[in-house]
Structures are given as C-alpha cells and as structure tokens.
N, C-alpha and C. Protein backbone atom coordinates (compact mmCIF):
# COMPACT_ATOMS: atom_id res chain seq x y z
N UNK A 1 115.69 52.42 92.32
CA UNK A 1 114.83 53.83 93.33
C UNK A 1 114.10 54.68 92.07
N UNK A 2 113.01 55.29 92.54
CA UNK A 2 112.09 56.20 92.07
C UNK A 2 112.72 57.27 91.69
N UNK A 3 112.72 57.95 90.68
CA UNK A 3 113.28 59.54 90.32
C UNK A 3 111.89 60.22 90.71
N UNK A 4 112.70 61.67 91.92
CA UNK A 4 111.93 62.42 91.79
C UNK A 4 111.26 63.28 90.78
N UNK A 5 109.85 63.67 90.97
CA UNK A 5 109.15 64.41 89.71
C UNK A 5 109.94 66.11 89.97
N UNK A 6 110.05 66.29 88.51
CA UNK A 6 110.62 67.63 88.70
C UNK A 6 110.25 68.66 89.26
N UNK A 7 108.90 68.76 89.86
CA UNK A 7 108.02 70.07 90.49
C UNK A 7 108.64 69.76 91.91
N UNK A 8 109.26 68.21 92.44
CA UNK A 8 109.29 68.25 93.85
C UNK A 8 111.06 68.63 94.24
N UNK A 9 111.82 68.49 93.19
CA UNK A 9 113.42 68.61 93.23
C UNK A 9 113.89 69.79 94.01
N UNK A 10 114.73 69.43 94.78
CA UNK A 10 115.10 70.66 95.67
C UNK A 10 116.44 71.30 95.01
N UNK A 11 116.62 71.27 94.42
CA UNK A 11 117.69 72.05 93.43
C UNK A 11 116.97 72.98 92.31
N UNK A 12 115.60 73.02 92.28
CA UNK A 12 115.08 74.10 91.70
C UNK A 12 114.27 75.05 92.53
N UNK A 13 114.69 76.36 92.04
CA UNK A 13 114.03 77.30 92.62
C UNK A 13 112.54 77.46 92.79
N UNK A 14 112.01 78.08 93.76
CA UNK A 14 110.55 78.66 93.49
C UNK A 14 110.57 79.53 92.81
N UNK A 15 109.47 79.49 91.92
CA UNK A 15 109.07 80.76 91.30
C UNK A 15 108.54 82.09 92.51
N UNK A 16 109.44 83.02 91.96
CA UNK A 16 108.68 84.21 92.76
C UNK A 16 107.23 84.71 92.34
N UNK A 17 106.65 84.78 93.26
CA UNK A 17 105.21 85.36 93.73
C UNK A 17 104.82 86.52 93.04
N UNK A 18 104.22 86.38 92.07
CA UNK A 18 103.74 87.52 91.42
C UNK A 18 102.44 88.21 91.77
N UNK A 19 102.31 89.24 92.00
CA UNK A 19 101.22 90.16 92.76
C UNK A 19 100.26 90.26 91.32
N UNK A 20 99.06 89.99 91.61
CA UNK A 20 98.43 90.13 90.70
C UNK A 20 97.19 90.70 91.40
N UNK A 21 96.24 91.76 90.91
CA UNK A 21 95.24 92.57 91.89
C UNK A 21 93.76 92.73 90.93
N UNK A 22 92.80 92.01 91.71
CA UNK A 22 91.14 91.74 90.91
C UNK A 22 90.35 92.88 91.47
N UNK A 23 90.33 94.24 90.91
CA UNK A 23 89.05 95.10 91.20
C UNK A 23 87.92 94.89 90.98
N UNK A 24 86.99 94.77 91.63
CA UNK A 24 85.49 94.61 91.62
C UNK A 24 84.97 96.25 92.37
N UNK A 25 84.31 96.91 91.24
CA UNK A 25 84.06 98.25 91.51
C UNK A 25 82.52 98.56 91.54
N UNK A 26 82.29 99.37 91.96
CA UNK A 26 80.47 99.47 92.33
C UNK A 26 80.01 101.24 92.47
N UNK A 27 79.61 101.97 91.79
CA UNK A 27 79.79 103.21 91.93
C UNK A 27 79.04 104.02 93.35
N UNK A 28 77.82 102.97 93.59
CA UNK A 28 77.01 103.01 94.92
C UNK A 28 77.81 102.95 95.79
N UNK A 29 79.21 102.20 96.12
CA UNK A 29 80.50 102.09 97.13
C UNK A 29 81.49 103.09 96.82
N UNK A 30 81.90 103.74 96.19
CA UNK A 30 82.70 105.18 95.86
C UNK A 30 82.81 105.85 96.75
N UNK A 31 83.60 106.56 97.57
CA UNK A 31 83.72 107.11 98.18
C UNK A 31 83.43 108.96 97.78
N UNK A 32 82.66 109.36 98.34
CA UNK A 32 81.51 110.93 97.81
C UNK A 32 80.57 110.82 96.96
N UNK A 33 80.32 109.33 96.74
CA UNK A 33 78.74 109.38 96.44
C UNK A 33 77.49 109.44 97.67
N UNK A 34 76.49 110.02 97.23
CA UNK A 34 75.89 110.33 98.50
C UNK A 34 74.49 110.79 98.40
N UNK A 35 74.08 110.71 96.69
CA UNK A 35 72.47 110.67 96.07
C UNK A 35 72.71 109.88 94.73
N UNK A 36 71.62 109.10 94.64
CA UNK A 36 71.08 108.58 93.54
C UNK A 36 71.06 108.86 92.52
N UNK A 37 71.37 110.21 92.05
CA UNK A 37 71.35 111.10 91.15
C UNK A 37 72.71 111.28 90.63
N UNK A 38 74.03 110.43 91.56
CA UNK A 38 75.20 110.45 91.35
C UNK A 38 75.47 109.01 90.62
N UNK A 39 74.38 108.10 90.59
CA UNK A 39 74.62 106.60 90.18
C UNK A 39 74.30 106.36 89.07
N UNK A 40 72.90 107.16 88.93
CA UNK A 40 71.91 106.99 87.82
C UNK A 40 71.86 108.21 86.66
N UNK A 41 72.07 107.76 85.55
CA UNK A 41 72.33 108.90 84.29
C UNK A 41 71.12 109.42 83.80
N UNK A 42 71.30 110.01 82.52
CA UNK A 42 72.27 111.09 82.82
C UNK A 42 72.18 112.35 83.60
N UNK A 43 72.80 113.06 83.48
CA UNK A 43 73.24 114.01 84.09
C UNK A 43 74.51 114.82 84.92
N UNK A 44 74.49 116.13 85.26
CA UNK A 44 75.72 116.29 85.80
C UNK A 44 76.36 115.58 87.00
N UNK A 45 75.12 115.60 88.03
CA UNK A 45 75.26 114.58 89.15
C UNK A 45 76.18 113.10 88.57
N UNK A 46 75.61 112.23 87.61
CA UNK A 46 76.15 111.13 87.33
C UNK A 46 77.77 111.18 87.00
N UNK A 47 77.62 112.49 85.78
CA UNK A 47 78.81 112.46 85.28
C UNK A 47 79.87 112.87 86.44
N UNK A 48 79.41 113.47 87.56
CA UNK A 48 80.44 113.62 88.94
C UNK A 48 80.92 112.14 89.50
N UNK A 49 79.57 111.42 89.54
CA UNK A 49 79.86 110.02 90.44
C UNK A 49 80.72 109.47 89.54
N UNK A 50 80.67 109.38 87.90
CA UNK A 50 81.16 108.69 87.29
C UNK A 50 83.09 109.02 87.64
N UNK A 51 83.16 110.36 87.59
CA UNK A 51 84.79 110.91 87.92
C UNK A 51 85.33 110.33 89.21
N UNK A 52 84.24 110.54 90.46
CA UNK A 52 84.91 109.85 91.65
C UNK A 52 84.96 108.38 91.52
N UNK A 53 84.24 107.38 91.04
CA UNK A 53 84.47 106.13 90.68
C UNK A 53 85.83 105.75 90.18
N UNK A 54 86.12 106.55 88.90
CA UNK A 54 87.19 106.29 88.10
C UNK A 54 88.35 106.82 89.38
N UNK A 55 88.41 107.96 89.53
CA UNK A 55 89.53 108.45 90.28
C UNK A 55 89.76 107.88 91.90
N UNK A 56 88.77 107.18 92.34
CA UNK A 56 88.92 105.99 93.33
C UNK A 56 89.72 104.89 92.76
N UNK A 57 89.40 104.25 91.75
CA UNK A 57 89.60 102.80 91.13
C UNK A 57 91.19 103.11 90.51
N UNK A 58 91.36 104.17 89.77
CA UNK A 58 92.93 104.71 89.86
C UNK A 58 94.09 104.95 90.66
N UNK A 59 93.23 105.47 91.52
CA UNK A 59 94.53 105.26 92.83
C UNK A 59 94.85 103.93 93.16
N UNK A 60 93.56 103.22 93.11
CA UNK A 60 93.94 101.91 94.05
C UNK A 60 94.59 100.89 92.68
N UNK A 61 94.51 101.41 91.68
CA UNK A 61 95.83 100.84 90.25
C UNK A 61 97.13 101.12 90.46
N UNK A 62 97.11 102.66 91.06
CA UNK A 62 98.18 103.13 90.91
C UNK A 62 98.89 102.68 92.02
N UNK A 63 98.54 102.41 93.78
CA UNK A 63 98.85 101.78 94.82
C UNK A 63 99.38 100.58 94.31
N UNK A 64 98.57 99.32 93.70
CA UNK A 64 99.07 98.27 93.19
C UNK A 64 100.38 98.10 92.64
N UNK A 65 100.42 98.76 91.68
CA UNK A 65 101.34 98.91 90.91
C UNK A 65 102.46 99.35 91.56
N UNK A 66 102.91 100.62 92.49
CA UNK A 66 103.31 101.08 93.19
C UNK A 66 104.05 100.24 94.12
N UNK A 67 103.30 99.02 94.52
CA UNK A 67 103.27 97.93 95.17
C UNK A 67 103.87 96.65 94.89
N UNK A 68 103.99 96.71 93.46
CA UNK A 68 105.12 95.87 92.65
C UNK A 68 103.82 95.06 91.71
N UNK A 69 102.73 95.34 91.82
CA UNK A 69 101.78 94.35 91.02
C UNK A 69 102.05 94.05 89.62
N UNK A 70 101.91 93.19 89.16
CA UNK A 70 101.91 92.94 87.54
C UNK A 70 101.07 92.91 86.58
N UNK A 71 99.72 92.61 87.19
CA UNK A 71 98.42 92.53 86.73
C UNK A 71 97.70 93.12 87.62
N UNK A 72 96.65 94.08 86.62
CA UNK A 72 95.19 94.51 87.52
C UNK A 72 94.58 94.54 86.66
N UNK A 73 93.07 93.87 87.37
CA UNK A 73 91.84 93.39 86.19
C UNK A 73 90.77 94.40 87.21
N UNK A 74 89.90 95.14 86.09
CA UNK A 74 88.97 95.83 86.60
C UNK A 74 87.80 95.26 86.63
N UNK A 75 86.72 95.15 87.05
CA UNK A 75 85.62 94.45 86.87
C UNK A 75 84.19 95.48 87.41
N UNK A 76 83.62 96.51 86.47
CA UNK A 76 82.60 97.30 87.00
C UNK A 76 81.43 96.32 87.11
N UNK A 77 81.26 96.19 88.50
CA UNK A 77 79.96 95.86 88.93
C UNK A 77 78.68 96.31 89.01
N UNK A 78 78.72 97.53 88.30
CA UNK A 78 77.36 97.96 88.64
C UNK A 78 76.10 97.60 87.73
N UNK A 79 74.82 97.15 88.34
CA UNK A 79 74.11 96.85 87.61
C UNK A 79 74.37 95.41 86.83
N UNK A 80 74.06 96.17 85.10
CA UNK A 80 74.42 94.71 84.83
C UNK A 80 75.87 94.68 83.72
N UNK A 81 76.31 95.57 84.55
CA UNK A 81 78.08 95.56 84.14
C UNK A 81 78.23 96.48 82.33
N UNK A 82 77.43 97.18 82.39
CA UNK A 82 77.26 97.23 80.95
C UNK A 82 77.78 98.87 80.80
N UNK A 83 78.15 99.30 81.69
CA UNK A 83 78.74 100.79 81.98
C UNK A 83 80.26 101.14 82.16
C-alpha cells in the first residue's frame, strides 16, 4: 500500500491563515485631493497633498494591523514610483 504524502495526512493541522496586505497608493486618488497643485510639487499645496496621502495610507495600515495583519507592503504607484 502506498504511503500518503505528508501534506495530505489528516493528522496534520492546517496552517493558520496569515493576513498579509498589499496597498497600492496613488496621490490622485487620496481623499481631499482636489487640485493638480496638490499632486505636483514643489509647493505648499503639494505638501498638503503628501500629508493627506500619508494619513490615508497610515489609517489603512492601522486598521489592517488591528484586524490581525502580520505584514503590510505599501507601493507608491504615482508616476514613476520615485516619490
């Protein structure tokens, strides 16, 4: 009789699901962005836009961690992703 592969044995407990989150952010989509000056620097309006985006992304991270996320990866998808 053939042996059952280890990954199929019923006596092994399944791994617990781990919550991992990938956030792709873009400043044009952030709440409160209403003008192109807020997405293109330099200047005070751009600094406001950056703060709005950072606050929104940080709120998403905080909520994910509160929900049990073990890993969070944030990707700034604006333009060439250099900001």
